[in-house]
Amino acid sequence: MAAPSSNNLKPWHFIVIRDRNKLNQIAEKHPHAKMLIQAPLAIVICGDVVYSPKYWYQDCAAATENILLALPELGLGGVWIGYHPRSGTDDVLKNIIPLPDNIHIFSLVAVGHPDEEKISRSQYEDAKIHYETW
């Protein structure tokens, strides 16, 4: 919740899913959430589209990234599972995670203990940096 937010509206809401049955159902329904079969929990990042109709998804992206950055400090790992703006996916998970009409799912984060320790790597690409013009 320390993420930057457009106009400081903070439209985010978080649903912690620990129920094994729900995690398995999400893994079955979402094409990129198969790791939830093994994860002990997931965090569903949602935004209030009425409270912040223009920028809720940007604010939720910042919140999702903050969650991922905080997990290693807790000895945990996480995987960002994209959700917004998938057409029709909202309906698939609404049976598992009922939400008010003004709340939309932005992303999920699978949380667990990593099986391996990954070496830090840079993804820097000089060709992607432009100065003053393209």
N, C-alpha and C. Protein backbone atom coordinates (compact mmCIF):
# COMPACT_ATOMS: atom_id res chain seq x y z
N MET A 1 0.81 -1.20 0.00
CA MET A 1 0.00 0.00 0.00
C MET A 1 0.85 1.26 0.00
N ALA A 2 2.17 1.09 -0.05
CA ALA A 2 3.07 2.23 -0.13
C ALA A 2 3.37 2.60 -1.59
N ALA A 3 2.73 1.93 -2.52
CA ALA A 3 2.96 2.19 -3.94
C ALA A 3 2.47 3.59 -4.30
N PRO A 4 3.08 4.18 -5.33
CA PRO A 4 2.55 5.46 -5.80
C PRO A 4 1.14 5.26 -6.36
N SER A 5 0.35 6.32 -6.28
CA SER A 5 -1.03 6.24 -6.73
C SER A 5 -1.43 7.57 -7.38
N SER A 6 -2.04 7.49 -8.53
CA SER A 6 -2.49 8.69 -9.22
C SER A 6 -3.46 9.47 -8.33
N ASN A 7 -3.18 10.74 -8.15
CA ASN A 7 -3.98 11.62 -7.29
C ASN A 7 -4.15 11.06 -5.88
N ASN A 8 -3.27 10.14 -5.50
CA ASN A 8 -3.31 9.51 -4.18
C ASN A 8 -4.67 8.87 -3.88
N LEU A 9 -5.32 8.34 -4.92
CA LEU A 9 -6.64 7.73 -4.74
C LEU A 9 -6.58 6.34 -4.13
N LYS A 10 -5.48 5.63 -4.34
CA LYS A 10 -5.29 4.30 -3.75
C LYS A 10 -6.51 3.40 -3.98
N PRO A 11 -6.81 3.08 -5.23
CA PRO A 11 -8.02 2.31 -5.52
C PRO A 11 -7.88 0.81 -5.28
N TRP A 12 -6.74 0.37 -4.80
CA TRP A 12 -6.46 -1.05 -4.69
C TRP A 12 -7.15 -1.72 -3.51
N HIS A 13 -7.41 -2.98 -3.70
CA HIS A 13 -7.90 -3.88 -2.65
C HIS A 13 -7.17 -5.20 -2.87
N PHE A 14 -6.96 -5.95 -1.80
CA PHE A 14 -6.19 -7.18 -1.88
C PHE A 14 -6.99 -8.32 -1.25
N ILE A 15 -7.07 -9.42 -1.95
CA ILE A 15 -7.74 -10.60 -1.42
C ILE A 15 -6.68 -11.69 -1.26
N VAL A 16 -6.50 -12.15 -0.05
CA VAL A 16 -5.55 -13.23 0.23
C VAL A 16 -6.32 -14.54 0.15
N ILE A 17 -5.86 -15.40 -0.74
CA ILE A 17 -6.50 -16.71 -0.93
C ILE A 17 -5.58 -17.78 -0.37
N ARG A 18 -6.04 -18.48 0.67
CA ARG A 18 -5.28 -19.59 1.26
C ARG A 18 -6.01 -20.92 1.12
N ASP A 19 -7.27 -20.84 0.78
CA ASP A 19 -8.08 -22.04 0.67
C ASP A 19 -7.58 -22.90 -0.50
N ARG A 20 -7.14 -24.12 -0.20
CA ARG A 20 -6.54 -25.00 -1.22
C ARG A 20 -7.52 -25.27 -2.37
N ASN A 21 -8.77 -25.43 -2.06
CA ASN A 21 -9.76 -25.68 -3.11
C ASN A 21 -9.85 -24.50 -4.07
N LYS A 22 -9.89 -23.28 -3.52
CA LYS A 22 -9.95 -22.09 -4.38
C LYS A 22 -8.68 -21.94 -5.21
N LEU A 23 -7.53 -22.16 -4.60
CA LEU A 23 -6.27 -22.05 -5.34
C LEU A 23 -6.25 -23.03 -6.51
N ASN A 24 -6.70 -24.25 -6.26
CA ASN A 24 -6.74 -25.25 -7.33
C ASN A 24 -7.74 -24.86 -8.43
N GLN A 25 -8.87 -24.31 -8.03
CA GLN A 25 -9.87 -23.88 -9.02
C GLN A 25 -9.32 -22.76 -9.90
N ILE A 26 -8.64 -21.81 -9.29
CA ILE A 26 -8.04 -20.71 -10.06
C ILE A 26 -7.00 -21.28 -11.02
N ALA A 27 -6.18 -22.21 -10.53
CA ALA A 27 -5.15 -22.83 -11.39
C ALA A 27 -5.78 -23.54 -12.58
N GLU A 28 -6.92 -24.15 -12.38
CA GLU A 28 -7.61 -24.84 -13.47
C GLU A 28 -8.23 -23.86 -14.47
N LYS A 29 -8.74 -22.74 -14.00
CA LYS A 29 -9.48 -21.81 -14.85
C LYS A 29 -8.58 -20.79 -15.57
N HIS A 30 -7.52 -20.34 -14.90
CA HIS A 30 -6.66 -19.30 -15.48
C HIS A 30 -5.51 -19.98 -16.23
N PRO A 31 -5.32 -19.67 -17.50
CA PRO A 31 -4.31 -20.38 -18.30
C PRO A 31 -2.86 -20.19 -17.86
N HIS A 32 -2.60 -19.16 -17.05
CA HIS A 32 -1.21 -18.91 -16.65
C HIS A 32 -1.01 -19.01 -15.13
N ALA A 33 -1.91 -19.68 -14.46
CA ALA A 33 -1.85 -19.77 -12.99
C ALA A 33 -1.63 -21.19 -12.49
N LYS A 34 -1.05 -22.03 -13.32
CA LYS A 34 -0.87 -23.44 -12.94
C LYS A 34 -0.03 -23.62 -11.67
N MET A 35 0.88 -22.66 -11.40
CA MET A 35 1.73 -22.78 -10.22
C MET A 35 0.94 -22.68 -8.92
N LEU A 36 -0.31 -22.22 -8.98
CA LEU A 36 -1.11 -22.13 -7.76
C LEU A 36 -1.46 -23.50 -7.19
N ILE A 37 -1.30 -24.54 -7.97
CA ILE A 37 -1.53 -25.89 -7.46
C ILE A 37 -0.53 -26.21 -6.35
N GLN A 38 0.66 -25.60 -6.42
CA GLN A 38 1.69 -25.83 -5.41
C GLN A 38 1.82 -24.69 -4.41
N ALA A 39 1.40 -23.50 -4.77
CA ALA A 39 1.59 -22.33 -3.91
C ALA A 39 0.68 -22.40 -2.68
N PRO A 40 1.19 -22.00 -1.52
CA PRO A 40 0.35 -22.00 -0.32
C PRO A 40 -0.65 -20.86 -0.27
N LEU A 41 -0.40 -19.80 -1.05
CA LEU A 41 -1.37 -18.71 -1.08
C LEU A 41 -1.19 -17.86 -2.31
N ALA A 42 -2.22 -17.09 -2.59
CA ALA A 42 -2.19 -16.12 -3.68
C ALA A 42 -2.77 -14.82 -3.15
N ILE A 43 -2.28 -13.73 -3.71
CA ILE A 43 -2.84 -12.42 -3.42
C ILE A 43 -3.48 -11.93 -4.71
N VAL A 44 -4.75 -11.59 -4.64
CA VAL A 44 -5.47 -11.06 -5.79
C VAL A 44 -5.50 -9.55 -5.63
N ILE A 45 -4.93 -8.85 -6.61
CA ILE A 45 -4.87 -7.40 -6.57
C ILE A 45 -6.03 -6.88 -7.41
N CYS A 46 -6.89 -6.10 -6.78
CA CYS A 46 -8.09 -5.59 -7.42
C CYS A 46 -8.10 -4.07 -7.37
N GLY A 47 -8.87 -3.47 -8.27
CA GLY A 47 -9.01 -2.03 -8.27
C GLY A 47 -10.45 -1.61 -8.34
N ASP A 48 -10.73 -0.49 -7.69
CA ASP A 48 -12.07 0.08 -7.73
C ASP A 48 -12.15 0.98 -8.95
N VAL A 49 -12.87 0.52 -9.98
CA VAL A 49 -12.92 1.24 -11.26
C VAL A 49 -13.84 2.45 -11.22
N VAL A 50 -14.67 2.57 -10.20
CA VAL A 50 -15.50 3.76 -10.05
C VAL A 50 -14.72 4.85 -9.33
N TYR A 51 -14.01 4.45 -8.30
CA TYR A 51 -13.24 5.39 -7.50
C TYR A 51 -12.10 6.01 -8.30
N SER A 52 -11.49 5.21 -9.17
CA SER A 52 -10.38 5.70 -10.00
C SER A 52 -10.53 5.10 -11.40
N PRO A 53 -11.46 5.61 -12.21
CA PRO A 53 -11.75 4.98 -13.50
C PRO A 53 -10.63 5.06 -14.52
N LYS A 54 -9.79 6.08 -14.47
CA LYS A 54 -8.76 6.24 -15.49
C LYS A 54 -7.44 5.54 -15.16
N TYR A 55 -7.08 5.47 -13.89
CA TYR A 55 -5.73 5.03 -13.55
C TYR A 55 -5.66 3.87 -12.58
N TRP A 56 -6.79 3.21 -12.30
CA TRP A 56 -6.79 2.13 -11.31
C TRP A 56 -5.79 1.04 -11.67
N TYR A 57 -5.67 0.70 -12.95
CA TYR A 57 -4.79 -0.39 -13.36
C TYR A 57 -3.32 0.00 -13.22
N GLN A 58 -2.99 1.28 -13.41
CA GLN A 58 -1.60 1.70 -13.19
C GLN A 58 -1.25 1.63 -11.70
N ASP A 59 -2.17 2.07 -10.86
CA ASP A 59 -1.94 2.01 -9.42
C ASP A 59 -1.82 0.56 -8.95
N CYS A 60 -2.64 -0.32 -9.50
CA CYS A 60 -2.58 -1.74 -9.13
C CYS A 60 -1.29 -2.39 -9.63
N ALA A 61 -0.77 -1.93 -10.77
CA ALA A 61 0.51 -2.43 -11.25
C ALA A 61 1.63 -2.07 -10.28
N ALA A 62 1.61 -0.84 -9.79
CA ALA A 62 2.63 -0.42 -8.83
C ALA A 62 2.51 -1.22 -7.53
N ALA A 63 1.29 -1.48 -7.09
CA ALA A 63 1.09 -2.26 -5.87
C ALA A 63 1.55 -3.70 -6.07
N THR A 64 1.28 -4.26 -7.25
CA THR A 64 1.72 -5.63 -7.54
C THR A 64 3.24 -5.72 -7.49
N GLU A 65 3.91 -4.76 -8.11
CA GLU A 65 5.38 -4.75 -8.10
C GLU A 65 5.92 -4.63 -6.68
N ASN A 66 5.30 -3.78 -5.86
CA ASN A 66 5.75 -3.64 -4.47
C ASN A 66 5.63 -4.95 -3.71
N ILE A 67 4.57 -5.69 -3.95
CA ILE A 67 4.40 -6.99 -3.30
C ILE A 67 5.56 -7.90 -3.70
N LEU A 68 5.85 -7.96 -4.99
CA LEU A 68 6.92 -8.83 -5.48
C LEU A 68 8.28 -8.42 -4.91
N LEU A 69 8.51 -7.13 -4.77
CA LEU A 69 9.78 -6.65 -4.22
C LEU A 69 9.91 -6.95 -2.72
N ALA A 70 8.79 -6.99 -2.02
CA ALA A 70 8.82 -7.23 -0.56
C ALA A 70 8.97 -8.70 -0.21
N LEU A 71 8.54 -9.60 -1.07
CA LEU A 71 8.53 -11.03 -0.73
C LEU A 71 9.91 -11.60 -0.36
N PRO A 72 10.98 -11.30 -1.10
CA PRO A 72 12.28 -11.88 -0.72
C PRO A 72 12.74 -11.48 0.68
N GLU A 73 12.37 -10.31 1.14
CA GLU A 73 12.72 -9.89 2.50
C GLU A 73 12.05 -10.78 3.54
N LEU A 74 10.97 -11.42 3.15
CA LEU A 74 10.23 -12.33 4.03
C LEU A 74 10.65 -13.79 3.82
N GLY A 75 11.66 -13.99 2.95
CA GLY A 75 12.10 -15.34 2.64
C GLY A 75 11.16 -16.06 1.69
N LEU A 76 10.35 -15.31 0.97
CA LEU A 76 9.36 -15.89 0.08
C LEU A 76 9.65 -15.50 -1.37
N GLY A 77 8.98 -16.17 -2.27
CA GLY A 77 9.07 -15.83 -3.69
C GLY A 77 7.68 -15.62 -4.22
N GLY A 78 7.61 -15.00 -5.37
CA GLY A 78 6.31 -14.74 -5.96
C GLY A 78 6.36 -14.71 -7.47
N VAL A 79 5.21 -14.95 -8.07
CA VAL A 79 5.07 -14.90 -9.52
C VAL A 79 3.88 -14.00 -9.84
N TRP A 80 4.12 -13.02 -10.70
CA TRP A 80 3.05 -12.13 -11.17
C TRP A 80 2.23 -12.89 -12.19
N ILE A 81 0.95 -13.03 -11.93
CA ILE A 81 0.03 -13.68 -12.86
C ILE A 81 -0.85 -12.59 -13.45
N GLY A 82 -0.66 -12.31 -14.71
CA GLY A 82 -1.42 -11.26 -15.37
C GLY A 82 -2.89 -11.59 -15.47
N TYR A 83 -3.69 -10.57 -15.42
CA TYR A 83 -5.14 -10.76 -15.49
C TYR A 83 -5.81 -9.70 -16.35
N HIS A 84 -5.70 -8.44 -15.96
CA HIS A 84 -6.30 -7.33 -16.70
C HIS A 84 -5.48 -7.07 -17.96
N PRO A 85 -6.01 -6.86 -19.08
CA PRO A 85 -7.41 -6.71 -19.48
C PRO A 85 -7.94 -7.91 -20.23
N ARG A 86 -7.67 -9.10 -19.79
CA ARG A 86 -8.12 -10.31 -20.49
C ARG A 86 -9.63 -10.31 -20.66
N SER A 87 -10.05 -10.45 -21.86
CA SER A 87 -11.48 -10.50 -22.15
C SER A 87 -12.05 -11.84 -21.70
N GLY A 88 -13.07 -11.78 -20.89
CA GLY A 88 -13.75 -13.00 -20.47
C GLY A 88 -13.15 -13.67 -19.24
N THR A 89 -11.90 -13.37 -18.91
CA THR A 89 -11.27 -14.03 -17.77
C THR A 89 -11.94 -13.60 -16.47
N ASP A 90 -12.37 -12.34 -16.40
CA ASP A 90 -13.06 -11.87 -15.20
C ASP A 90 -14.23 -12.79 -14.87
N ASP A 91 -15.01 -13.14 -15.88
CA ASP A 91 -16.18 -13.98 -15.66
C ASP A 91 -15.79 -15.36 -15.15
N VAL A 92 -14.65 -15.88 -15.62
CA VAL A 92 -14.20 -17.21 -15.21
C VAL A 92 -13.92 -17.23 -13.71
N LEU A 93 -13.27 -16.21 -13.18
CA LEU A 93 -12.92 -16.22 -11.76
C LEU A 93 -14.01 -15.66 -10.86
N LYS A 94 -15.01 -15.00 -11.43
CA LYS A 94 -16.08 -14.44 -10.58
C LYS A 94 -16.83 -15.51 -9.82
N ASN A 95 -16.89 -16.73 -10.36
CA ASN A 95 -17.53 -17.82 -9.63
C ASN A 95 -16.69 -18.27 -8.45
N ILE A 96 -15.39 -18.07 -8.53
CA ILE A 96 -14.49 -18.47 -7.46
C ILE A 96 -14.29 -17.32 -6.48
N ILE A 97 -14.18 -16.10 -7.02
CA ILE A 97 -13.94 -14.91 -6.21
C ILE A 97 -15.04 -13.89 -6.53
N PRO A 98 -16.17 -13.99 -5.87
CA PRO A 98 -17.24 -13.02 -6.14
C PRO A 98 -16.81 -11.61 -5.73
N LEU A 99 -17.09 -10.64 -6.60
CA LEU A 99 -16.68 -9.26 -6.36
C LEU A 99 -17.85 -8.32 -6.63
N PRO A 100 -17.85 -7.16 -5.96
CA PRO A 100 -18.83 -6.13 -6.34
C PRO A 100 -18.56 -5.68 -7.78
N ASP A 101 -19.54 -5.12 -8.45
CA ASP A 101 -19.40 -4.72 -9.84
C ASP A 101 -18.31 -3.68 -10.07
N ASN A 102 -18.05 -2.84 -9.09
CA ASN A 102 -17.06 -1.77 -9.25
C ASN A 102 -15.62 -2.25 -9.00
N ILE A 103 -15.46 -3.47 -8.58
CA ILE A 103 -14.12 -4.00 -8.28
C ILE A 103 -13.72 -4.97 -9.39
N HIS A 104 -12.56 -4.68 -10.01
CA HIS A 104 -12.04 -5.53 -11.09
C HIS A 104 -10.70 -6.11 -10.69
N ILE A 105 -10.47 -7.33 -11.08
CA ILE A 105 -9.18 -7.98 -10.81
C ILE A 105 -8.15 -7.42 -11.78
N PHE A 106 -7.00 -7.04 -11.23
CA PHE A 106 -5.89 -6.59 -12.06
C PHE A 106 -4.87 -7.71 -12.25
N SER A 107 -4.45 -8.32 -11.15
CA SER A 107 -3.42 -9.36 -11.23
C SER A 107 -3.55 -10.28 -10.02
N LEU A 108 -2.80 -11.36 -10.07
CA LEU A 108 -2.66 -12.25 -8.94
C LEU A 108 -1.17 -12.44 -8.71
N VAL A 109 -0.80 -12.69 -7.48
CA VAL A 109 0.59 -13.04 -7.17
C VAL A 109 0.56 -14.38 -6.44
N ALA A 110 1.19 -15.37 -7.05
CA ALA A 110 1.38 -16.66 -6.37
C ALA A 110 2.51 -16.47 -5.37
N VAL A 111 2.32 -16.90 -4.14
CA VAL A 111 3.31 -16.71 -3.09
C VAL A 111 3.70 -18.06 -2.51
N GLY A 112 5.00 -18.25 -2.33
CA GLY A 112 5.47 -19.50 -1.74
C GLY A 112 6.95 -19.44 -1.44
N HIS A 113 7.48 -20.58 -1.05
CA HIS A 113 8.91 -20.70 -0.79
C HIS A 113 9.59 -21.18 -2.06
N PRO A 114 10.56 -20.41 -2.56
CA PRO A 114 11.21 -20.79 -3.82
C PRO A 114 11.94 -22.13 -3.70
N ASP A 115 11.88 -22.92 -4.78
CA ASP A 115 12.61 -24.18 -4.85
C ASP A 115 14.09 -23.96 -5.15
N GLU A 116 14.42 -22.80 -5.69
CA GLU A 116 15.79 -22.51 -6.07
C GLU A 116 16.10 -21.05 -5.79
N GLU A 117 17.37 -20.77 -5.66
CA GLU A 117 17.81 -19.39 -5.50
C GLU A 117 18.34 -18.91 -6.83
N LYS A 118 17.71 -17.91 -7.37
CA LYS A 118 18.13 -17.40 -8.67
C LYS A 118 19.20 -16.34 -8.50
N ILE A 119 20.15 -16.37 -9.40
CA ILE A 119 21.23 -15.39 -9.41
C ILE A 119 20.67 -14.07 -9.94
N SER A 120 21.02 -12.98 -9.28
CA SER A 120 20.59 -11.67 -9.76
C SER A 120 21.11 -11.45 -11.16
N ARG A 121 20.29 -10.86 -11.99
CA ARG A 121 20.71 -10.59 -13.35
C ARG A 121 20.19 -9.23 -13.76
N SER A 122 20.91 -8.64 -14.67
CA SER A 122 20.48 -7.36 -15.20
C SER A 122 19.72 -7.61 -16.50
N GLN A 123 18.68 -6.89 -16.67
CA GLN A 123 17.95 -6.95 -17.93
C GLN A 123 18.11 -5.65 -18.71
N TYR A 124 19.13 -4.91 -18.32
CA TYR A 124 19.41 -3.64 -18.96
C TYR A 124 19.75 -3.83 -20.43
N GLU A 125 19.15 -2.99 -21.26
CA GLU A 125 19.44 -2.99 -22.70
C GLU A 125 19.70 -1.55 -23.12
N ASP A 126 20.94 -1.25 -23.46
CA ASP A 126 21.31 0.09 -23.85
C ASP A 126 20.47 0.60 -25.01
N ALA A 127 20.10 -0.28 -25.93
CA ALA A 127 19.32 0.12 -27.11
C ALA A 127 17.92 0.61 -26.76
N LYS A 128 17.46 0.36 -25.55
CA LYS A 128 16.12 0.80 -25.14
C LYS A 128 16.12 2.19 -24.49
N ILE A 129 17.32 2.76 -24.32
CA ILE A 129 17.43 4.09 -23.72
C ILE A 129 17.59 5.11 -24.83
N HIS A 130 16.78 6.16 -24.79
CA HIS A 130 16.82 7.21 -25.79
C HIS A 130 16.95 8.55 -25.06
N TYR A 131 17.73 9.45 -25.62
CA TYR A 131 17.93 10.75 -25.01
C TYR A 131 17.36 11.86 -25.90
N GLU A 132 16.50 12.65 -25.33
CA GLU A 132 15.92 13.82 -25.97
C GLU A 132 14.97 13.50 -27.13
N THR A 133 15.23 12.43 -27.86
CA THR A 133 14.39 12.06 -28.99
C THR A 133 14.57 10.56 -29.26
N TRP A 134 13.76 10.02 -30.13
CA TRP A 134 13.90 8.61 -30.44
C TRP A 134 15.18 8.37 -31.20
